[in-house]
Amino acid sequence: MAGFFPFDDFLTFGSNNDQMQNRPYTYLFYIQYLGLRYSGWQRQKGVKTIQGSLERGLRFVLGHEDFNILGASRTDSGVSCREGAFELFLKEALLIPDFIQKVNQNLPTDIRIIRMQPVSPSFNIIQDVVSKSYTYNFLFGEKPDPFQNPVAAFFPGYPDLQLMQKGVKLFQGKHDFKRFCSVDKVTENYIREIYSSEVILDKSFDHEEGPYIKVIFRVSGKGFLRYQVRIMAGALADLGLGRLGFSELEESLRVPEGKPLAIAAPACGLTLDQVNFSF
């Protein structure tokens, strides 16, 4: 029976998170969604969000609202997710047969739970992240097929692809990304490590509806600042289209003071591909 987890081995009446101490049964869910119709992950009053939709579906299947969920990544409005994760905290073991199937039946068609597993109450969905991977889809050229709009962003003109591929390598390693994020009064450390980054031409992309190309930016790291990937994508687009010099991109990583290097690329082009954890 899919989704049936009477997992008593993880019974513990304690938690590292004060809010979750009275909910010792914890489950990790993997999820995917199209972000076009939603105002991001986090629940907000009066607007549609991923968290709000999940909580409604869970309330219906569980038959109560005595639970908490916590997401691994709070995606922005319009951002999609191929395989993200959230944690469910319950007071009692989850004994509902076919739980995933039942929750999916009560979710919108653009949100789907992929799988789930019980985890120890000591598991921390934020601190135990090993890596996050993102994809940004560019459409360059003339006005593209509108059916691409939910998961790609259009930029008029044709880029210097080789220059973008050269520039994207500058992101790899540890850098101060203060010029690639939304600066706030809370964040003290803007240094982040990029494990891998690449720009590729999608040669399999069929663009019979018009003369345009699809370019993919992929990036992986342990964690990212707010708007970081979108500003990185915006900088790469500017570089390829001749609006930003290669030396300017280099300098922004060496001397991280000043205004953001580029405007954040549209949210619709960004997808959270995968979140990996240490257990």
Protein backbone atom coordinates (compact mmCIF):
# COMPACT_ATOMS: atom_id res chain seq x y z
CA MET A 1 0.00 0.00 0.00
CA ALA A 2 1.65 3.20 -1.17
CA GLY A 3 1.96 5.78 1.57
CA PHE A 4 1.40 3.36 4.52
CA PHE A 5 4.02 4.07 7.19
CA PRO A 6 3.38 2.73 10.73
CA PHE A 7 6.95 3.63 11.59
CA ASP A 8 7.28 3.28 15.40
CA ASP A 9 11.08 2.97 15.35
CA PHE A 10 11.30 6.75 15.10
CA LEU A 11 9.09 7.45 18.12
CA THR A 12 10.82 10.16 20.14
CA PHE A 13 9.27 12.75 22.42
CA GLY A 14 11.75 15.46 21.60
CA SER A 15 12.72 17.70 18.73
CA ASN A 16 15.45 20.20 17.94
CA ASN A 17 12.74 22.64 16.92
CA ASP A 18 10.69 24.01 19.83
CA GLN A 19 7.63 24.42 17.62
CA MET A 20 7.69 20.70 16.77
CA GLN A 21 8.43 19.18 20.21
CA ASN A 22 4.87 17.92 20.69
CA ARG A 23 4.76 16.38 17.20
CA PRO A 24 7.34 13.57 17.33
CA TYR A 25 6.32 11.75 14.13
CA THR A 26 8.12 13.31 11.18
CA TYR A 27 7.86 12.50 7.48
CA LEU A 28 9.80 13.83 4.51
CA PHE A 29 7.82 14.42 1.32
CA TYR A 30 9.21 15.04 -2.16
CA ILE A 31 7.07 17.31 -4.30
CA GLN A 32 6.85 18.92 -7.73
CA TYR A 33 4.81 21.84 -9.01
CA LEU A 34 4.38 24.47 -11.70
CA GLY A 35 4.72 27.85 -10.05
CA LEU A 36 2.97 30.00 -12.67
CA ARG A 37 -0.35 30.33 -10.79
CA TYR A 38 1.11 30.68 -7.31
CA SER A 39 2.54 33.49 -5.19
CA GLY A 40 5.48 31.37 -4.12
CA TRP A 41 5.87 28.64 -1.51
CA GLN A 42 5.10 30.41 1.75
CA ARG A 43 1.54 30.67 3.01
CA GLN A 44 0.11 34.20 2.62
CA LYS A 45 -3.31 35.49 3.46
CA GLY A 46 -5.57 36.07 0.48
CA VAL A 47 -3.33 34.61 -2.24
CA LYS A 48 -2.67 31.15 -3.68
CA THR A 49 0.57 29.55 -2.48
CA ILE A 50 2.09 26.08 -2.63
CA GLN A 51 2.18 25.72 1.16
CA GLY A 52 -1.43 26.84 1.50
CA SER A 53 -2.59 24.35 -1.15
CA LEU A 54 -0.68 21.51 0.51
CA GLU A 55 -2.10 22.30 3.93
CA ARG A 56 -5.65 22.24 2.57
CA GLY A 57 -5.08 18.84 0.95
CA LEU A 58 -3.43 17.43 4.06
CA ARG A 59 -6.23 18.70 6.33
CA PHE A 60 -8.83 16.96 4.18
CA VAL A 61 -7.04 13.59 4.19
CA LEU A 62 -5.81 13.68 7.80
CA GLY A 63 -9.20 14.85 9.06
CA HIS A 64 -7.64 17.46 11.36
CA GLU A 65 -5.27 20.43 11.31
CA ASP A 66 -3.01 19.46 14.21
CA PHE A 67 0.14 19.29 12.09
CA ASN A 68 2.94 21.48 10.79
CA ILE A 69 4.83 21.48 7.52
CA LEU A 70 8.20 23.04 6.79
CA GLY A 71 9.66 23.44 3.30
CA ALA A 72 13.28 22.91 2.30
CA SER A 73 13.19 25.91 -0.02
CA ARG A 74 10.82 28.88 -0.11
CA THR A 75 10.52 29.41 -3.85
CA ASP A 76 9.41 32.82 -5.10
CA SER A 77 6.22 33.64 -6.96
CA GLY A 78 6.20 32.00 -10.40
CA VAL A 79 9.13 29.65 -9.73
CA SER A 80 8.55 25.96 -10.49
CA CYS A 81 9.93 22.86 -8.81
CA ARG A 82 10.82 19.49 -10.31
CA GLU A 83 11.74 17.78 -7.04
CA GLY A 84 11.60 19.81 -3.84
CA ALA A 85 10.81 18.68 -0.33
CA PHE A 86 8.85 19.47 2.79
CA GLU A 87 8.60 17.91 6.23
CA LEU A 88 5.33 16.93 7.92
CA PHE A 89 5.16 16.91 11.75
CA LEU A 90 2.42 14.87 13.44
CA LYS A 91 1.46 13.87 16.99
CA GLU A 92 0.61 10.32 15.93
CA ALA A 93 2.05 7.85 13.44
CA LEU A 94 0.72 8.10 9.91
CA LEU A 95 -1.40 4.97 9.40
CA ILE A 96 -3.60 6.05 6.50
CA PRO A 97 -3.35 3.58 3.58
CA ASP A 98 -2.50 5.03 0.17
CA PHE A 99 -1.79 8.38 1.78
CA ILE A 100 0.13 9.91 -1.13
CA GLN A 101 -2.58 8.94 -3.61
CA LYS A 102 -5.30 10.43 -1.43
CA VAL A 103 -3.46 13.70 -0.88
CA ASN A 104 -2.68 14.01 -4.59
CA GLN A 105 -6.37 13.58 -5.36
CA ASN A 106 -7.02 16.64 -3.19
CA LEU A 107 -4.29 18.84 -4.66
CA PRO A 108 -4.52 21.09 -7.72
CA THR A 109 -3.41 19.46 -10.96
CA ASP A 110 -0.19 21.51 -11.02
CA ILE A 111 1.03 20.20 -7.63
CA ARG A 112 2.02 16.56 -7.03
CA ILE A 113 3.62 14.61 -4.21
CA ILE A 114 6.17 12.19 -5.65
CA ARG A 115 7.13 10.06 -2.65
CA MET A 116 7.58 10.16 1.12
CA GLN A 117 9.64 8.57 3.86
CA PRO A 118 9.71 8.67 7.66
CA VAL A 119 12.67 10.50 9.17
CA SER A 120 14.10 10.84 12.65
CA PRO A 121 12.88 13.83 14.68
CA SER A 122 16.53 14.91 14.76
CA PHE A 123 16.44 15.40 10.99
CA ASN A 124 16.54 19.10 10.07
CA ILE A 125 15.18 19.89 6.62
CA ILE A 126 17.11 23.17 6.50
CA GLN A 127 20.46 22.29 8.09
CA ASP A 128 20.72 18.78 6.60
CA VAL A 129 20.64 19.99 2.99
CA VAL A 130 23.73 18.79 1.11
CA SER A 131 22.97 20.50 -2.19
CA LYS A 132 20.30 22.29 -4.19
CA SER A 133 20.22 22.30 -7.98
CA TYR A 134 18.45 24.83 -10.20
CA THR A 135 17.80 25.21 -13.91
CA TYR A 136 17.09 28.48 -15.69
CA ASN A 137 15.57 28.25 -19.18
CA PHE A 138 16.25 31.13 -21.59
CA LEU A 139 14.51 31.62 -24.93
CA PHE A 140 16.54 33.92 -27.20
CA GLY A 141 15.60 35.27 -30.64
CA GLU A 142 12.25 36.48 -31.89
CA LYS A 143 8.99 36.08 -30.00
CA PRO A 144 8.73 32.40 -29.05
CA ASP A 145 6.01 29.80 -28.74
CA PRO A 146 3.72 30.99 -25.90
CA PHE A 147 3.37 27.41 -24.66
CA GLN A 148 6.96 27.71 -23.37
CA ASN A 149 6.05 30.60 -21.06
CA PRO A 150 5.33 28.64 -17.85
CA VAL A 151 8.91 27.31 -17.60
CA ALA A 152 11.08 29.63 -19.70
CA ALA A 153 11.80 33.35 -20.03
CA PHE A 154 12.15 35.24 -23.31
CA PHE A 155 15.02 37.61 -24.10
CA PRO A 156 14.99 39.40 -27.50
CA GLY A 157 18.11 38.92 -29.60
CA TYR A 158 20.68 36.17 -30.05
CA PRO A 159 23.44 35.77 -27.45
CA ASP A 160 27.14 35.01 -27.70
CA LEU A 161 26.78 31.49 -26.33
CA GLN A 162 30.53 30.91 -25.97
CA LEU A 163 30.87 34.06 -23.87
CA MET A 164 28.03 32.90 -21.61
CA GLN A 165 29.76 29.52 -21.25
CA LYS A 166 32.99 31.27 -20.33
CA GLY A 167 31.27 33.59 -17.87
CA VAL A 168 29.28 30.90 -16.06
CA LYS A 169 32.52 29.21 -14.95
CA LEU A 170 33.38 32.30 -12.90
CA PHE A 171 30.61 31.39 -10.46
CA GLN A 172 32.21 28.10 -9.44
CA GLY A 173 33.82 27.91 -6.01
CA LYS A 174 33.35 30.14 -2.98
CA HIS A 175 32.52 33.80 -3.63
CA ASP A 176 30.86 36.73 -1.96
CA PHE A 177 27.59 37.02 -3.91
CA LYS A 178 26.44 40.28 -2.35
CA ARG A 179 25.94 41.80 -5.82
CA PHE A 180 23.84 38.80 -6.87
CA CYS A 181 21.06 38.94 -4.31
CA SER A 182 18.52 41.04 -2.48
CA VAL A 183 20.53 42.65 0.33
CA ASP A 184 18.73 42.80 3.68
CA LYS A 185 19.50 43.74 7.27
CA VAL A 186 19.41 40.15 8.50
CA THR A 187 21.98 38.40 6.28
CA GLU A 188 25.54 38.83 7.59
CA ASN A 189 27.41 36.39 5.38
CA TYR A 190 27.01 36.58 1.61
CA ILE A 191 29.64 33.94 0.82
CA ARG A 192 28.21 30.90 -0.93
CA GLU A 193 29.87 27.94 -2.62
CA ILE A 194 28.85 26.93 -6.12
CA TYR A 195 29.61 23.26 -6.81
CA SER A 196 28.90 23.34 -10.52
CA SER A 197 27.54 25.75 -13.13
CA GLU A 198 27.10 25.44 -16.87
CA VAL A 199 25.35 26.97 -19.86
CA ILE A 200 24.27 24.70 -22.71
CA LEU A 201 22.31 25.01 -25.94
CA ASP A 202 19.30 22.71 -25.98
CA LYS A 203 19.86 21.09 -29.38
CA SER A 204 16.80 18.87 -28.99
CA PHE A 205 14.51 21.88 -28.68
CA ASP A 206 11.99 22.07 -31.53
CA HIS A 207 11.26 25.69 -32.45
CA GLU A 208 9.15 25.28 -35.58
CA GLU A 209 6.82 28.06 -34.39
CA GLY A 210 9.49 30.74 -34.82
CA PRO A 211 13.21 31.53 -35.05
CA TYR A 212 14.44 31.26 -31.49
CA ILE A 213 16.77 29.09 -29.44
CA LYS A 214 16.61 27.59 -25.96
CA VAL A 215 19.62 28.01 -23.68
CA ILE A 216 19.83 26.29 -20.29
CA PHE A 217 21.72 27.54 -17.23
CA ARG A 218 22.31 24.88 -14.57
CA VAL A 219 23.76 25.58 -11.14
CA SER A 220 24.28 23.57 -7.96
CA GLY A 221 25.37 24.58 -4.46
CA LYS A 222 24.68 23.98 -0.79
CA GLY A 223 22.51 27.06 -0.48
CA PHE A 224 21.59 30.28 -2.23
CA LEU A 225 20.73 33.85 -1.27
CA ARG A 226 17.39 35.39 -2.13
CA TYR A 227 17.11 36.05 -5.89
CA GLN A 228 20.72 34.83 -6.32
CA VAL A 229 20.08 32.35 -9.13
CA ARG A 230 17.79 34.77 -10.98
CA ILE A 231 20.35 37.60 -10.79
CA MET A 232 23.08 35.20 -11.93
CA ALA A 233 20.81 34.28 -14.86
CA GLY A 234 20.16 37.96 -15.59
CA ALA A 235 23.89 38.68 -15.58
CA LEU A 236 24.55 35.80 -17.98
CA ALA A 237 21.85 37.04 -20.35
CA ASP A 238 23.33 40.56 -20.23
CA LEU A 239 26.78 39.12 -20.87
CA GLY A 240 25.62 37.11 -23.87
CA LEU A 241 23.66 40.02 -25.34
CA GLY A 242 26.52 42.50 -24.97
CA ARG A 243 25.03 44.55 -22.16
CA LEU A 244 27.65 43.44 -19.61
CA GLY A 245 31.38 43.01 -20.05
CA PHE A 246 33.27 39.88 -19.01
CA SER A 247 35.62 41.98 -16.87
CA GLU A 248 32.60 43.52 -15.08
CA LEU A 249 31.37 40.04 -14.19
CA GLU A 250 34.82 39.08 -12.90
CA GLU A 251 35.09 42.28 -10.87
CA SER A 252 31.68 41.81 -9.25
CA LEU A 253 32.89 38.58 -7.65
CA ARG A 254 36.22 40.08 -6.55
CA VAL A 255 34.80 43.35 -5.20
CA PRO A 256 31.28 42.60 -3.95
CA GLU A 257 30.25 46.16 -3.07
CA GLY A 258 27.70 48.19 -4.98
CA LYS A 259 24.28 47.69 -6.49
CA PRO A 260 23.15 44.33 -7.91
CA LEU A 261 25.05 43.50 -11.08
CA ALA A 262 21.89 42.76 -13.06
CA ILE A 263 18.13 42.76 -12.82
CA ALA A 264 16.76 39.43 -11.61
CA ALA A 265 15.68 37.37 -14.61
CA PRO A 266 11.92 36.59 -14.73
CA ALA A 267 10.78 34.00 -12.21
CA CYS A 268 9.03 31.84 -14.82
CA GLY A 269 12.38 30.65 -16.21
CA LEU A 270 13.58 29.21 -12.90
CA THR A 271 13.02 25.65 -11.70
CA LEU A 272 14.27 24.06 -8.49
CA ASP A 273 15.46 20.73 -9.85
CA GLN A 274 16.54 18.77 -6.79
CA VAL A 275 17.30 18.98 -3.08
CA ASN A 276 19.69 16.42 -1.56
CA PHE A 277 19.98 15.67 2.15
CA SER A 278 22.32 13.90 4.54
CA PHE A 279 20.50 11.41 6.76
